[in-house]
Amino acid sequence: MSEPEEIDIHTTAGKIADLQRRIDEATHAGSERAVEKQHAKGKLTARERIDLLLDEGSFVELDEFARHRSTNFGIEKNRPYGDGVVTGYGTVDGRPVCVYSQDFTIFGGSLGEVYGEKIVKVMDFALKTGCPVIGINDGGGARIQEGVVALGLFAEIFRRNVHASGVVPQISLIFGPCAGGAVYSPAITDFTVMVDQTSHMFITGPDVIKTVTGEDVGFEELGGARTHNTTSGVAHHMAGDEKDAIEYVKSLLSYLPSNNLSEAPAFPEEAVLATTDEDRELDTLIPDSANQPYDMHTAIEHVLDDGEFLETQSLFAPNIITGFGRVEGYPVGIVANQPMQFAGCLDINASEKAARFVRTCDAFNVPVLTFVDVPGFLPGVDQEYGGIIRRGAKLIYAYAEATVPLITVITRKAFGGAYDVMGSKHLGADINVAWPTAQIAVMGAQGAVNILHRRTIAAVTDPDEAEATRAELIADYEDTLLNPYVAAERGYVDAVIMPSETRAHIVKGLRQLRTKRESLPPKKHGNIPL
C-alpha cells in the first residue's frame, strides 16, 4: 500500500487538499470495525440515517471539525472529528428541518461537552429559524471521562427541549440504546419513534436493577420498543426497521407546520358533498344492540380524504384512537373512543394519551375531530389508586384550553362525566353533532333503572313479573332520555345528522372555522394537574 502523498499546507492547492483530507477524516471518523459491527446489528450509521431522512443533497453539516478538549483517562489521545454526533440542517420533502444524529461508532455515541454543545447549537438554530428538530438517538449516555460537564450539557439540551416545546415540532428517533439522563430529551419531545428489537430506553439498566432490587429483566422487556409502545406509552410508533421509522417521521412531518406561527402543509381540494354509496355505509355501522362493539376506524376513515389515517400510539391505550388525516387537503387531528377495546371506556392511559395529543394539535394549529362512543370511566380500585381523578382531568384541561377548531361527533354512547370530557360543547367545542343512534345521558338504562326504581322492582315478589317490570322501566328510560334529542333541545349538540352526512358536515364546519380566532385569559401559564 502506497504512502499518502505529503500535503504542503503553505500553498493554496495544499490548503485545499488538507481541507479535503479533513472532510474525509470527519466523514469516516468511526473505525471500519465499528461500522461493520453497527451494520451487523441491522443498524445504519449516523450519516446513513441522515441521508435516508433528508432530501438528496440538501444536508448542510455544522461543526464538522469540532473535537473534544478532555484530557482525562487518556482520552486526549483519541480526538475524532465530530466528537460522536453529526449535526446540521436540510430539507424533508422540500421543507427545512434541523437534525442531529448520534454516532455509536465513536465513543459508543456517549455525550461529552463538545458533543452536547453541537446539539445545543443546532437546537438554537432551529428555534431562530422556526423549523422542526429531529433527533436521532443511538448512544450510551454521559461520557464518564468528562464527568459533570456531560451532565451539564444534558440539562442544557433539556432546557432547549422545553423552550422549543409548542414552538417547533420536535421528533425523536431511537435507533439504539438511550439510557440514563439521555432518555429525558426524547421524553420532552412531541413524538418518539422506536425500532423493534434494536431500540432500548431506560433510566437504569438491567444490571443496576438486579443489584438494587433483585429483579431479573432483559433489555427488551425492560425498555424495548414493544414495552414503550404497549405498556409505558413513552413511544408513539414501533417500526420494523430504521427505514420504516424514518418513513413514519416523514409522514408525521407532512401533517405538522414548521412552527407555531405557520400553517401545516395543505393540498386544497374541494370535496364533493353529495352523499355517496361509500358514505351510506356509515348508516349501518352502529349495531342494534348497545352492547355490541364496532370498529371506530371505519367512521374515521369514511370522513378523511382517501381514508388515509396516520395513527399515533396505536399499541398504547387502544381504547382511544389518536392520529392525523386530511379533510379537503387540510391536516386534522383525530381523537376517538374505540368500542372494540374496554367498550371505549376512558382510563388513566387513554386520558393521558388523548390529552397529550389534543395539546400537540392545539400547539401547532391543527383542528381536532372527536368521535365519541364512551360509556364512562373504567371502574376499579387500580384506577382510583392510580389517580384517575387527577389524570383524567388532564383531558378536560386539554380540550378546555384548546383554541383550534374543535368538531365533535357522537356516534353512540356519551354517558356521565365521560360525555363532558370528550370534546363536549360545554368545554368549548365549536360544532357538536350526533347520529340518531347517539345516547347522551347520565348513565345507561340498566344502571339508571336499578337506582331510580330500586324499590318498585324490589316490591314485585314474582321473579318473572319483576323481570317484566324491569324491562318495561328500561324501555321507558331509553325512550325518554337515551337519545340525542334531549341534548339537541338544549343546544348541547348543534344537529342530529344522518351518519352518511358526517363527512359533508365536517367539511362545511372546517371551512367555516378556518377563520376562527379565540384567545384565553392572560396568564403566565396554567397549572395542569400533572
Protein backbone atom coordinates (compact mmCIF):
# COMPACT_ATOMS: atom_id res chain seq x y z
CA MET A 1 0.00 0.00 0.00
CA SER A 2 1.50 3.34 -1.08
CA GLU A 3 2.19 6.08 1.44
CA PRO A 4 -0.28 9.02 1.33
CA GLU A 5 1.13 11.97 -0.57
CA GLU A 6 2.50 14.66 1.72
CA ILE A 7 0.48 17.89 1.64
CA ASP A 8 2.20 21.27 1.56
CA ILE A 9 -0.22 23.45 3.54
CA HIS A 10 1.76 26.56 2.64
CA THR A 11 0.27 26.55 -0.86
CA THR A 12 -3.32 27.17 -1.94
CA ALA A 13 -3.51 23.74 -3.54
CA GLY A 14 -2.13 22.25 -0.34
CA LYS A 15 -4.71 24.03 1.79
CA ILE A 16 -7.48 22.72 -0.47
CA ALA A 17 -6.07 19.20 -0.28
CA ASP A 18 -5.74 19.50 3.50
CA LEU A 19 -9.40 20.52 3.78
CA GLN A 20 -10.47 17.58 1.64
CA ARG A 21 -8.41 15.24 3.83
CA ARG A 22 -10.02 16.63 6.97
CA ILE A 23 -13.51 16.32 5.47
CA ASP A 24 -12.79 12.70 4.57
CA GLU A 25 -11.47 12.06 8.07
CA ALA A 26 -14.58 13.62 9.62
CA THR A 27 -16.88 11.67 7.32
CA HIS A 28 -15.19 8.37 8.25
CA ALA A 29 -14.46 9.15 11.89
CA GLY A 30 -15.66 5.77 13.11
CA SER A 31 -13.38 2.79 12.53
CA GLU A 32 -14.22 0.25 9.83
CA ARG A 33 -14.63 -2.40 12.50
CA ALA A 34 -17.09 -0.24 14.44
CA VAL A 35 -19.11 0.41 11.28
CA GLU A 36 -19.17 -3.32 10.48
CA LYS A 37 -20.45 -4.09 13.99
CA GLN A 38 -23.14 -1.43 13.57
CA HIS A 39 -24.30 -2.95 10.29
CA ALA A 40 -24.18 -6.47 11.76
CA LYS A 41 -26.78 -5.39 14.31
CA GLY A 42 -29.08 -4.26 11.50
CA LYS A 43 -28.33 -0.61 12.27
CA LEU A 44 -27.24 2.18 9.95
CA THR A 45 -24.52 4.71 10.68
CA ALA A 46 -25.30 8.28 11.76
CA ARG A 47 -24.68 9.67 8.27
CA GLU A 48 -26.58 6.89 6.50
CA ARG A 49 -29.61 7.75 8.65
CA ILE A 50 -29.40 11.43 7.75
CA ASP A 51 -29.14 10.50 4.07
CA LEU A 52 -32.34 8.45 4.38
CA LEU A 53 -34.19 11.19 6.23
CA LEU A 54 -33.29 14.29 4.24
CA ASP A 55 -33.84 15.18 0.60
CA GLU A 56 -30.87 14.18 -1.54
CA GLY A 57 -28.10 16.76 -1.48
CA SER A 58 -29.88 19.04 0.99
CA PHE A 59 -27.81 18.35 4.13
CA VAL A 60 -25.56 21.14 5.38
CA GLU A 61 -23.35 19.99 8.24
CA LEU A 62 -22.45 22.18 11.20
CA ASP A 63 -19.36 21.81 13.40
CA GLU A 64 -17.93 19.02 11.30
CA PHE A 65 -14.45 19.60 12.73
CA ALA A 66 -15.42 20.03 16.38
CA ARG A 67 -13.35 17.85 18.74
CA HIS A 68 -13.40 17.24 22.47
CA ARG A 69 -10.98 19.01 24.81
CA SER A 70 -10.87 16.43 27.59
CA THR A 71 -7.55 15.16 28.97
CA ASN A 72 -8.79 12.59 31.49
CA PHE A 73 -8.05 8.84 31.41
CA GLY A 74 -6.03 9.00 28.18
CA ILE A 75 -8.95 10.23 26.11
CA GLU A 76 -6.75 13.07 24.78
CA LYS A 77 -5.07 10.50 22.51
CA ASN A 78 -8.33 9.93 20.64
CA ARG A 79 -9.91 13.14 19.32
CA PRO A 80 -12.03 12.26 16.27
CA TYR A 81 -13.69 14.99 14.26
CA GLY A 82 -17.37 15.47 15.05
CA ASP A 83 -16.97 14.05 18.58
CA GLY A 84 -19.62 11.39 18.02
CA VAL A 85 -22.60 13.37 16.74
CA VAL A 86 -23.47 14.72 13.29
CA THR A 87 -25.47 17.96 13.29
CA GLY A 88 -26.84 20.27 10.62
CA TYR A 89 -29.86 21.24 8.59
CA GLY A 90 -31.54 20.24 5.35
CA THR A 91 -34.98 19.57 3.91
CA VAL A 92 -37.62 16.84 4.13
CA ASP A 93 -39.97 16.95 1.13
CA GLY A 94 -38.64 20.44 0.43
CA ARG A 95 -39.33 21.78 3.93
CA PRO A 96 -36.46 22.92 6.20
CA VAL A 97 -35.55 20.85 9.26
CA CYS A 98 -32.66 20.70 11.71
CA VAL A 99 -31.21 17.34 12.62
CA TYR A 100 -28.68 15.70 14.88
CA SER A 101 -27.63 12.09 14.61
CA GLN A 102 -25.67 10.32 17.34
CA ASP A 103 -22.79 8.15 16.10
CA PHE A 104 -22.45 4.92 18.06
CA THR A 105 -19.19 4.11 16.22
CA ILE A 106 -17.42 6.94 18.11
CA PHE A 107 -17.14 6.59 21.89
CA GLY A 108 -20.33 4.50 21.79
CA GLY A 109 -22.29 7.67 21.00
CA SER A 110 -21.68 8.93 24.54
CA LEU A 111 -22.29 12.61 25.23
CA GLY A 112 -19.44 14.90 26.22
CA GLU A 113 -19.03 18.68 26.36
CA VAL A 114 -18.39 19.38 22.67
CA TYR A 115 -20.94 16.76 21.58
CA GLY A 116 -23.57 18.46 23.77
CA GLU A 117 -22.57 21.92 22.55
CA LYS A 118 -23.16 20.79 18.97
CA ILE A 119 -26.69 19.62 19.77
CA VAL A 120 -27.44 22.81 21.73
CA LYS A 121 -26.20 24.89 18.79
CA VAL A 122 -28.38 23.17 16.20
CA MET A 123 -31.42 23.38 18.52
CA ASP A 124 -30.85 27.12 18.98
CA PHE A 125 -30.57 27.43 15.20
CA ALA A 126 -33.90 25.60 14.76
CA LEU A 127 -35.62 27.93 17.23
CA LYS A 128 -34.24 31.03 15.49
CA THR A 129 -35.28 29.83 12.04
CA GLY A 130 -38.58 28.22 13.09
CA CYS A 131 -38.07 24.71 11.76
CA PRO A 132 -38.61 21.22 13.24
CA VAL A 133 -35.85 19.42 15.14
CA ILE A 134 -35.31 15.72 14.52
CA GLY A 135 -33.01 13.93 16.95
CA ILE A 136 -31.63 10.50 16.05
CA ASN A 137 -30.59 8.80 19.28
CA ASP A 138 -28.07 5.96 19.44
CA GLY A 139 -25.72 6.48 22.36
CA GLY A 140 -24.53 5.22 25.69
CA GLY A 141 -25.48 8.23 27.81
CA ALA A 142 -23.00 10.55 29.52
CA ARG A 143 -19.29 10.25 28.66
CA ILE A 144 -17.83 9.19 32.00
CA GLN A 145 -14.35 10.54 31.24
CA GLU A 146 -15.73 14.09 31.01
CA GLY A 147 -17.52 13.99 34.34
CA VAL A 148 -20.02 16.63 35.39
CA VAL A 149 -19.53 18.61 32.17
CA ALA A 150 -21.52 15.92 30.34
CA LEU A 151 -24.32 16.18 32.88
CA GLY A 152 -24.40 19.96 32.47
CA LEU A 153 -24.82 19.65 28.71
CA PHE A 154 -27.66 17.15 29.14
CA ALA A 155 -29.51 19.77 31.18
CA GLU A 156 -28.74 22.45 28.55
CA ILE A 157 -30.39 20.19 25.97
CA PHE A 158 -33.41 19.55 28.22
CA ARG A 159 -33.90 23.29 28.73
CA ARG A 160 -33.93 23.87 24.99
CA ASN A 161 -36.37 20.99 24.51
CA VAL A 162 -38.69 22.77 26.94
CA HIS A 163 -38.25 26.18 25.32
CA ALA A 164 -38.87 24.70 21.87
CA SER A 165 -41.96 22.80 23.06
CA GLY A 166 -45.01 24.16 21.28
CA VAL A 167 -42.83 26.44 19.13
CA VAL A 168 -41.30 23.98 16.65
CA PRO A 169 -42.14 20.27 16.26
CA GLN A 170 -39.60 18.01 17.96
CA ILE A 171 -39.34 14.37 16.93
CA SER A 172 -37.06 11.73 18.42
CA LEU A 173 -35.91 8.58 16.66
CA ILE A 174 -34.47 5.91 18.97
CA PHE A 175 -32.18 3.69 16.91
CA GLY A 176 -30.15 2.03 19.65
CA PRO A 177 -29.51 2.49 23.36
CA CYS A 178 -30.83 5.60 25.10
CA ALA A 179 -30.16 5.30 28.80
CA GLY A 180 -29.92 7.31 31.99
CA GLY A 181 -30.33 11.06 31.66
CA ALA A 182 -30.34 10.75 27.86
CA VAL A 183 -33.94 9.48 27.93
CA TYR A 184 -35.36 12.78 29.12
CA SER A 185 -34.74 14.70 25.91
CA PRO A 186 -36.92 12.30 23.83
CA ALA A 187 -39.47 12.29 26.68
CA ILE A 188 -39.97 16.06 26.31
CA THR A 189 -40.23 15.99 22.51
CA ASP A 190 -43.57 15.73 20.71
CA PHE A 191 -43.16 12.27 19.17
CA THR A 192 -40.83 9.34 19.82
CA VAL A 193 -40.33 6.53 17.31
CA MET A 194 -38.56 3.28 18.20
CA VAL A 195 -37.42 0.23 16.24
CA ASP A 196 -38.42 -3.27 17.32
CA GLN A 197 -35.55 -5.32 18.81
CA THR A 198 -32.82 -2.65 18.35
CA SER A 199 -34.12 0.34 20.37
CA HIS A 200 -33.87 0.50 24.16
CA MET A 201 -34.78 3.25 26.62
CA PHE A 202 -34.46 3.10 30.40
CA ILE A 203 -33.33 5.18 33.35
CA THR A 204 -31.47 2.30 35.00
CA GLY A 205 -30.35 -0.80 33.12
CA PRO A 206 -30.95 -4.48 33.90
CA ASP A 207 -27.66 -4.87 35.83
CA VAL A 208 -28.39 -2.00 38.21
CA ILE A 209 -31.95 -3.20 38.74
CA LYS A 210 -30.66 -6.71 39.51
CA THR A 211 -28.19 -5.30 42.06
CA VAL A 212 -30.61 -2.94 43.79
CA THR A 213 -33.94 -4.77 43.70
CA GLY A 214 -33.00 -8.34 42.79
CA GLU A 215 -35.32 -8.29 39.77
CA ASP A 216 -34.20 -10.21 36.68
CA VAL A 217 -35.16 -8.40 33.49
CA GLY A 218 -33.71 -8.24 29.98
CA PHE A 219 -33.05 -5.17 27.85
CA GLU A 220 -36.01 -5.83 25.56
CA GLU A 221 -38.50 -6.49 28.34
CA LEU A 222 -37.29 -3.52 30.37
CA GLY A 223 -37.00 -0.84 27.72
CA GLY A 224 -37.56 -2.27 24.26
CA ALA A 225 -39.74 -0.75 21.57
CA ARG A 226 -42.65 -3.06 22.35
CA THR A 227 -42.55 -2.22 26.06
CA HIS A 228 -42.61 1.52 25.45
CA ASN A 229 -45.29 1.25 22.76
CA THR A 230 -47.65 -1.02 24.69
CA THR A 231 -47.03 -0.56 28.41
CA SER A 232 -45.33 2.72 29.29
CA GLY A 233 -46.66 4.93 26.50
CA VAL A 234 -43.25 6.59 26.14
CA ALA A 235 -43.13 5.90 22.39
CA HIS A 236 -45.60 6.82 19.64
CA HIS A 237 -44.73 4.25 16.96
CA MET A 238 -42.92 0.93 16.73
CA ALA A 239 -41.18 0.47 13.41
CA GLY A 240 -39.96 -2.78 11.89
CA ASP A 241 -36.63 -1.27 10.89
CA GLU A 242 -34.89 2.09 10.65
CA LYS A 243 -36.16 2.82 7.15
CA ASP A 244 -39.76 2.22 8.27
CA ALA A 245 -39.20 4.55 11.24
CA ILE A 246 -37.85 7.33 9.04
CA GLU A 247 -40.77 6.98 6.61
CA TYR A 248 -43.17 7.31 9.55
CA VAL A 249 -41.42 10.52 10.66
CA LYS A 250 -41.65 11.94 7.15
CA SER A 251 -45.39 11.22 7.13
CA LEU A 252 -45.73 12.81 10.56
CA LEU A 253 -43.97 15.98 9.40
CA SER A 254 -46.39 16.29 6.47
CA TYR A 255 -49.23 16.97 8.94
CA LEU A 256 -47.34 19.49 11.07
CA PRO A 257 -46.38 23.13 10.44
CA SER A 258 -42.74 24.20 10.61
CA ASN A 259 -43.55 26.22 13.72
CA ASN A 260 -46.42 27.56 15.82
CA LEU A 261 -46.74 30.74 13.74
CA SER A 262 -47.20 28.94 10.42
CA GLU A 263 -49.86 26.69 8.96
CA ALA A 264 -49.50 22.96 8.39
CA PRO A 265 -48.88 21.84 4.78
CA ALA A 266 -52.14 21.72 2.85
CA PHE A 267 -53.11 20.41 -0.56
CA PRO A 268 -56.51 22.08 -1.03
CA GLU A 269 -59.00 20.03 -3.00
CA GLU A 270 -62.70 20.84 -2.86
CA ALA A 271 -64.69 17.89 -1.56
CA VAL A 272 -67.76 16.52 -3.31
CA LEU A 273 -70.55 16.96 -0.76
CA ALA A 274 -73.17 14.75 -2.41
CA THR A 275 -73.78 11.58 -0.41
CA THR A 276 -72.14 8.53 -1.99
CA ASP A 277 -72.71 4.80 -1.56
CA GLU A 278 -69.50 4.70 0.48
CA ASP A 279 -70.89 7.39 2.79
CA ARG A 280 -74.09 5.37 3.24
CA GLU A 281 -72.05 2.51 4.70
CA LEU A 282 -71.97 4.54 7.92
CA ASP A 283 -75.77 4.33 8.17
CA THR A 284 -75.41 0.64 9.06
CA LEU A 285 -72.24 0.87 11.16
CA ILE A 286 -73.86 1.01 14.61
CA PRO A 287 -75.28 -2.38 15.77
CA ASP A 288 -78.83 -2.57 17.13
CA SER A 289 -77.50 -3.85 20.44
CA ALA A 290 -75.83 -1.16 22.51
CA ASN A 291 -73.51 -3.82 23.92
CA GLN A 292 -72.16 -4.94 20.56
CA PRO A 293 -68.84 -3.35 19.53
CA TYR A 294 -67.81 -1.97 16.15
CA ASP A 295 -64.55 -0.57 14.82
CA MET A 296 -64.37 3.23 15.11
CA HIS A 297 -61.63 3.24 12.46
CA THR A 298 -64.43 2.74 9.93
CA ALA A 299 -66.09 6.02 10.87
CA ILE A 300 -62.76 7.84 10.91
CA GLU A 301 -61.66 6.59 7.50
CA HIS A 302 -65.01 7.47 5.90
CA VAL A 303 -64.53 11.09 6.94
CA LEU A 304 -60.89 11.56 5.92
CA ASP A 305 -59.59 12.18 2.42
CA ASP A 306 -58.96 8.84 0.66
CA GLY A 307 -59.42 7.07 4.01
CA GLU A 308 -55.79 7.84 4.87
CA PHE A 309 -55.12 7.86 8.62
CA LEU A 310 -51.72 8.06 10.33
CA GLU A 311 -52.25 6.65 13.80
CA THR A 312 -50.11 7.59 16.80
CA GLN A 313 -49.56 5.34 19.81
CA SER A 314 -51.68 2.65 18.17
CA LEU A 315 -50.43 -0.04 20.59
CA PHE A 316 -50.87 2.01 23.77
CA ALA A 317 -54.28 2.55 25.40
CA PRO A 318 -56.09 1.07 22.37
CA ASN A 319 -59.44 2.06 23.91
CA ILE A 320 -58.80 5.52 22.47
CA ILE A 321 -57.57 6.30 18.96
CA THR A 322 -55.36 9.26 18.08
CA GLY A 323 -53.75 10.26 14.80
CA PHE A 324 -53.69 12.53 11.77
CA GLY A 325 -55.55 12.73 8.49
CA ARG A 326 -56.74 15.31 5.97
CA VAL A 327 -60.09 16.84 5.10
CA GLU A 328 -60.17 18.76 1.81
CA GLY A 329 -56.38 18.53 1.85
CA TYR A 330 -56.00 20.26 5.24
CA PRO A 331 -54.48 18.35 8.19
CA VAL A 332 -56.71 17.39 11.12
CA GLY A 333 -56.09 15.52 14.35
CA ILE A 334 -58.39 12.67 15.35
CA VAL A 335 -59.38 11.60 18.87
CA ALA A 336 -61.88 8.73 19.07
CA ASN A 337 -63.17 6.19 21.56
CA GLN A 338 -62.72 2.61 20.37
CA PRO A 339 -65.69 0.36 21.32
CA MET A 340 -63.61 -2.70 20.39
CA GLN A 341 -61.43 -2.17 23.49
CA PHE A 342 -62.89 -1.93 27.03
CA ALA A 343 -66.16 -0.85 25.33
CA GLY A 344 -64.46 2.50 24.68
CA CYS A 345 -64.15 3.37 28.39
CA LEU A 346 -61.73 6.08 29.39
CA ASP A 347 -59.00 5.03 31.80
CA ILE A 348 -55.77 6.59 33.05
CA ASN A 349 -53.72 5.71 29.98
CA ALA A 350 -56.40 6.70 27.48
CA SER A 351 -56.97 10.05 29.21
CA GLU A 352 -53.28 10.94 29.19
CA LYS A 353 -52.77 9.72 25.63
CA ALA A 354 -55.66 11.81 24.31
CA ALA A 355 -54.79 14.87 26.43
CA ARG A 356 -51.22 14.90 25.15
CA PHE A 357 -52.42 14.57 21.56
CA VAL A 358 -55.03 17.34 21.82
CA ARG A 359 -52.43 19.69 23.30
CA THR A 360 -49.98 18.85 20.50
CA CYS A 361 -52.61 19.65 17.87
CA ASP A 362 -53.53 22.88 19.65
CA ALA A 363 -49.88 23.96 19.88
CA PHE A 364 -49.41 23.53 16.14
CA ASN A 365 -52.72 24.87 14.80
CA VAL A 366 -54.19 21.52 13.75
CA PRO A 367 -58.02 21.22 14.12
CA VAL A 368 -59.28 18.33 16.25
CA LEU A 369 -62.12 15.99 15.25
CA THR A 370 -63.52 13.92 18.12
CA PHE A 371 -65.60 10.76 17.66
CA VAL A 372 -67.47 9.77 20.82
CA ASP A 373 -68.74 6.40 21.97
CA VAL A 374 -67.91 6.28 25.66
CA PRO A 375 -69.88 4.51 28.42
CA GLY A 376 -67.85 6.22 31.15
CA PHE A 377 -64.58 5.95 33.02
CA LEU A 378 -63.23 2.47 33.66
CA PRO A 379 -64.19 1.41 37.21
CA GLY A 380 -61.71 -0.28 39.51
CA VAL A 381 -59.56 0.08 42.60
CA ASP A 382 -56.38 0.20 40.49
CA GLN A 383 -57.77 3.12 38.51
CA GLU A 384 -58.74 5.06 41.62
CA TYR A 385 -55.43 4.36 43.39
CA GLY A 386 -53.57 5.19 40.19
CA GLY A 387 -55.05 8.68 40.15
CA ILE A 388 -57.82 8.55 37.53
CA ILE A 389 -59.34 11.71 39.04
CA ARG A 390 -56.19 13.77 38.61
CA ARG A 391 -55.03 12.13 35.41
CA GLY A 392 -58.46 12.06 33.79
CA ALA A 393 -58.68 15.80 34.48
CA LYS A 394 -55.80 16.31 32.04
CA LEU A 395 -58.17 15.56 29.16
CA ILE A 396 -60.65 18.15 30.42
CA TYR A 397 -57.79 20.63 30.64
CA ALA A 398 -56.56 19.85 27.12
CA TYR A 399 -59.94 20.39 25.46
CA ALA A 400 -60.86 23.43 27.56
CA GLU A 401 -57.64 25.30 26.75
CA ALA A 402 -57.59 24.39 23.04
CA THR A 403 -58.27 27.30 20.69
CA VAL A 404 -58.03 25.40 17.39
CA PRO A 405 -61.24 24.38 15.59
CA LEU A 406 -62.97 21.58 17.53
CA ILE A 407 -65.66 19.38 15.95
CA THR A 408 -67.26 16.52 17.88
CA VAL A 409 -69.36 13.65 16.50
CA ILE A 410 -71.29 11.48 18.98
CA THR A 411 -71.90 8.13 17.33
CA ARG A 412 -73.42 6.16 20.21
CA LYS A 413 -72.83 6.32 23.98
CA ALA A 414 -71.92 9.55 25.75
CA PHE A 415 -72.52 8.83 29.40
CA GLY A 416 -71.79 10.74 32.58
CA GLY A 417 -68.60 12.70 33.13
CA ALA A 418 -67.03 11.00 30.12
CA TYR A 419 -69.56 12.84 27.90
CA ASP A 420 -68.27 16.13 29.29
CA VAL A 421 -64.63 15.18 28.88
CA MET A 422 -64.80 14.06 25.25
CA GLY A 423 -64.88 17.41 23.48
CA SER A 424 -68.32 18.48 24.67
CA LYS A 425 -69.94 21.80 23.83
CA HIS A 426 -69.52 22.78 27.48
CA LEU A 427 -65.72 22.51 27.23
CA GLY A 428 -65.66 24.81 24.23
CA ALA A 429 -66.11 22.64 21.14
CA ASP A 430 -67.25 24.69 18.16
CA ILE A 431 -69.51 22.23 16.36
CA ASN A 432 -71.11 19.20 18.02
CA VAL A 433 -73.24 16.78 16.04
CA ALA A 434 -74.85 13.47 16.96
CA TRP A 435 -76.00 10.48 14.99
CA PRO A 436 -79.59 9.28 15.61
CA THR A 437 -78.01 6.28 17.37
CA ALA A 438 -76.47 8.59 19.99
CA GLN A 439 -77.32 8.02 23.65
CA ILE A 440 -76.48 11.12 25.67
CA ALA A 441 -77.34 10.67 29.34
CA VAL A 442 -76.01 10.43 32.87
CA MET A 443 -75.76 6.65 32.57
CA GLY A 444 -77.03 3.63 30.67
CA ALA A 445 -80.57 2.32 31.04
CA GLN A 446 -79.89 -0.70 33.27
CA GLY A 447 -77.84 1.22 35.82
CA ALA A 448 -80.30 4.10 35.85
CA VAL A 449 -83.33 1.84 36.37
CA ASN A 450 -81.58 0.00 39.21
CA ILE A 451 -81.15 3.32 41.00
CA LEU A 452 -84.37 5.12 40.07
CA HIS A 453 -86.76 2.18 40.52
CA ARG A 454 -84.97 0.01 43.05
CA ARG A 455 -87.95 -0.04 45.45
CA THR A 456 -90.50 -0.58 42.68
CA ILE A 457 -88.66 -3.65 41.39
CA ALA A 458 -87.99 -4.98 44.91
CA ALA A 459 -91.71 -4.77 45.73
CA VAL A 460 -92.55 -7.28 42.96
CA THR A 461 -92.25 -10.75 44.51
CA ASP A 462 -92.71 -12.88 41.39
CA PRO A 463 -89.32 -13.17 39.57
CA ASP A 464 -90.87 -13.27 36.08
CA GLU A 465 -93.06 -10.27 36.84
CA ALA A 466 -90.09 -8.42 38.35
CA GLU A 467 -88.08 -9.00 35.17
CA ALA A 468 -91.00 -7.82 33.02
CA THR A 469 -91.33 -4.69 35.17
CA ARG A 470 -87.60 -4.04 34.84
CA ALA A 471 -87.77 -4.43 31.05
CA GLU A 472 -90.70 -2.01 30.87
CA LEU A 473 -88.89 0.58 33.00
CA ILE A 474 -85.71 0.21 30.92
CA ALA A 475 -87.68 0.77 27.71
CA ASP A 476 -89.32 3.84 29.25
CA TYR A 477 -85.90 5.25 30.25
CA GLU A 478 -84.49 4.58 26.79
CA ASP A 479 -87.44 6.27 25.10
CA THR A 480 -87.32 9.26 27.43
CA LEU A 481 -83.62 10.02 27.92
CA LEU A 482 -81.41 7.62 25.95
CA ASN A 483 -81.35 9.55 22.67
CA PRO A 484 -79.71 12.63 21.15
CA TYR A 485 -82.83 14.78 21.15
CA VAL A 486 -82.85 15.90 24.79
CA ALA A 487 -79.35 17.31 24.24
CA ALA A 488 -80.40 18.79 20.89
CA GLU A 489 -83.33 20.60 22.52
CA ARG A 490 -80.88 22.36 24.82
CA GLY A 491 -78.31 23.14 22.12
CA TYR A 492 -75.73 20.78 23.60
CA VAL A 493 -75.49 19.27 20.14
CA ASP A 494 -75.91 21.56 17.16
CA ALA A 495 -77.56 18.97 14.93
CA VAL A 496 -78.65 15.36 14.76
CA ILE A 497 -77.43 14.12 11.39
CA MET A 498 -77.54 11.04 9.22
CA PRO A 499 -74.27 9.11 9.66
CA SER A 500 -73.83 9.22 5.89
CA GLU A 501 -73.74 13.03 6.04
CA THR A 502 -70.89 13.16 8.57
CA ARG A 503 -68.12 14.00 6.12
CA ALA A 504 -70.19 16.74 4.49
CA HIS A 505 -70.94 18.32 7.89
CA ILE A 506 -67.28 18.19 8.89
CA VAL A 507 -66.16 19.66 5.57
CA LYS A 508 -68.59 22.57 5.89
CA GLY A 509 -67.71 23.07 9.54
CA LEU A 510 -63.98 23.20 8.90
CA ARG A 511 -64.48 25.65 6.06
CA GLN A 512 -66.35 27.98 8.39
CA LEU A 513 -63.86 27.52 11.23
CA ARG A 514 -60.80 28.28 9.11
CA THR A 515 -61.05 31.89 10.26
CA LYS A 516 -61.69 31.02 13.93
CA ARG A 517 -59.98 33.36 16.39
CA GLU A 518 -60.10 32.68 20.11
CA SER A 519 -57.80 33.71 22.93
CA LEU A 520 -57.56 32.62 26.56
CA PRO A 521 -57.37 34.92 29.60
CA PRO A 522 -53.85 36.40 30.00
CA LYS A 523 -51.64 34.38 32.36
CA LYS A 524 -48.09 33.17 32.80
CA HIS A 525 -49.23 29.58 32.30
CA GLY A 526 -51.97 27.31 33.55
CA ASN A 527 -51.50 24.68 36.25
CA ILE A 528 -52.46 21.44 34.51
CA PRO A 529 -53.00 18.56 37.01
CA LEU A 530 -49.76 16.74 36.24
